[in-house]
Amino acid sequence: MEQHRKIGCCSSFGEWQPDVNGIAIGFRPGGGLPAMAINVGAQSFNLARNFLLAEVRPRLISVVRRIEEALGQEVTAVGAGRRARSASSTRQAQSRAR
């Protein structure tokens, strides 16, 4: 969880399986559904640690944010250990307040 707060994802570089690298981002879809995660992983000779963190991580963060926004959830403020309202949930809250 600390790693997720600091860099916006969890990772495994050989810890789960010696020849597998992967990263994952957890999120809460709401609507009574359980917490979920989206991950990217492959054999380490095909998916290097640096590529996962530098290239894939920002894209995965973007995908999770878009999913959260589409579901009307608060968008994760990656690396900050807090959550910030998405524009769509802010509009919904303002509409309810009127």
Protein backbone atom coordinates (compact mmCIF):
# COMPACT_ATOMS: atom_id res chain seq x y z
CA MET A 1 0.00 0.00 0.00
CA GLU A 2 2.88 2.33 0.71
CA GLN A 3 4.27 1.77 -2.78
CA HIS A 4 0.83 2.48 -4.29
CA ARG A 5 0.67 5.77 -2.34
CA LYS A 6 4.19 6.80 -3.34
CA ILE A 7 4.35 5.89 -7.03
CA GLY A 8 0.74 5.22 -7.96
CA CYS A 9 1.01 1.47 -8.46
CA CYS A 10 2.10 -1.78 -6.88
CA SER A 11 4.80 -3.82 -8.56
CA SER A 12 6.39 -7.21 -8.63
CA PHE A 13 9.73 -7.63 -10.34
CA GLY A 14 10.51 -11.28 -9.80
CA GLU A 15 8.96 -11.54 -6.32
CA TRP A 16 5.83 -13.44 -7.39
CA GLN A 17 7.52 -15.53 -10.08
CA PRO A 18 11.26 -15.19 -10.76
CA ASP A 19 10.76 -14.49 -14.47
CA VAL A 20 7.64 -12.27 -14.32
CA ASN A 21 7.41 -8.47 -14.01
CA GLY A 22 4.20 -6.61 -13.43
CA ILE A 23 2.49 -3.53 -12.08
CA ALA A 24 -1.09 -2.99 -10.87
CA ILE A 25 -3.33 -0.14 -9.78
CA GLY A 26 -6.23 -0.70 -7.42
CA PHE A 27 -9.43 1.31 -7.40
CA ARG A 28 -12.95 1.22 -5.98
CA PRO A 29 -15.62 1.18 -8.68
CA GLY A 30 -18.45 1.94 -6.24
CA GLY A 31 -22.01 0.77 -6.72
CA GLY A 32 -21.57 -1.98 -4.15
CA LEU A 33 -18.82 -3.62 -6.20
CA PRO A 34 -15.65 -4.84 -4.50
CA ALA A 35 -12.29 -3.14 -4.93
CA MET A 36 -10.67 -4.00 -8.25
CA ALA A 37 -7.29 -3.71 -9.93
CA ILE A 38 -5.95 -3.41 -13.43
CA ASN A 39 -2.56 -4.90 -14.10
CA VAL A 40 0.05 -5.32 -16.81
CA GLY A 41 2.57 -8.11 -16.61
CA ALA A 42 4.65 -10.49 -18.69
CA GLN A 43 7.83 -12.48 -18.68
CA SER A 44 10.68 -10.26 -17.57
CA PHE A 45 12.67 -10.71 -20.78
CA ASN A 46 9.71 -9.17 -22.67
CA LEU A 47 8.75 -6.49 -20.16
CA ALA A 48 11.56 -4.65 -18.41
CA ARG A 49 11.14 -2.91 -15.06
CA ASN A 50 12.13 0.51 -16.48
CA PHE A 51 9.61 0.19 -19.33
CA LEU A 52 6.83 -0.75 -16.92
CA LEU A 53 7.51 2.17 -14.59
CA ALA A 54 8.39 4.84 -17.17
CA GLU A 55 6.06 3.99 -20.05
CA VAL A 56 3.25 1.73 -18.83
CA ARG A 57 2.61 3.21 -15.36
CA PRO A 58 1.49 6.67 -16.59
CA ARG A 59 -0.82 5.06 -19.14
CA LEU A 60 -2.26 2.66 -16.57
CA ILE A 61 -2.87 5.57 -14.19
CA SER A 62 -4.70 7.37 -16.99
CA VAL A 63 -6.88 4.33 -17.71
CA VAL A 64 -7.86 3.98 -14.05
CA ARG A 65 -8.67 7.71 -13.81
CA ARG A 66 -10.87 7.51 -16.91
CA ILE A 67 -12.69 4.48 -15.49
CA GLU A 68 -13.25 6.27 -12.17
CA GLU A 69 -14.53 9.37 -13.97
CA ALA A 70 -16.86 7.30 -16.17
CA LEU A 71 -18.26 5.65 -13.04
CA GLY A 72 -18.66 9.01 -11.30
CA GLN A 73 -16.12 8.10 -8.64
CA GLU A 74 -13.53 10.35 -7.05
CA VAL A 75 -10.31 10.28 -9.02
CA THR A 76 -7.21 8.99 -7.27
CA ALA A 77 -4.54 11.63 -6.73
CA VAL A 78 -1.61 9.34 -7.42
CA GLY A 79 1.40 9.64 -5.17
CA ALA A 80 -0.30 12.05 -2.78
CA GLY A 81 -2.01 9.58 -0.45
CA ARG A 82 -5.34 11.36 -0.89
CA ARG A 83 -8.25 11.55 -3.28
CA ALA A 84 -9.36 14.55 -5.31
CA ARG A 85 -12.78 15.03 -6.83
CA SER A 86 -13.06 14.50 -10.55
CA ALA A 87 -14.74 17.21 -12.61
CA SER A 88 -17.75 14.95 -13.23
CA SER A 89 -18.28 14.16 -9.55
CA THR A 90 -17.89 17.85 -8.71
CA ARG A 91 -20.59 18.73 -11.29
CA GLN A 92 -22.85 16.00 -9.89
CA ALA A 93 -22.39 17.26 -6.33
CA GLN A 94 -23.10 20.86 -7.43
CA SER A 95 -26.21 19.73 -9.28
CA ARG A 96 -27.51 17.89 -6.19
CA ALA A 97 -26.85 20.98 -4.03
CA ARG A 98 -29.08 23.16 -6.24
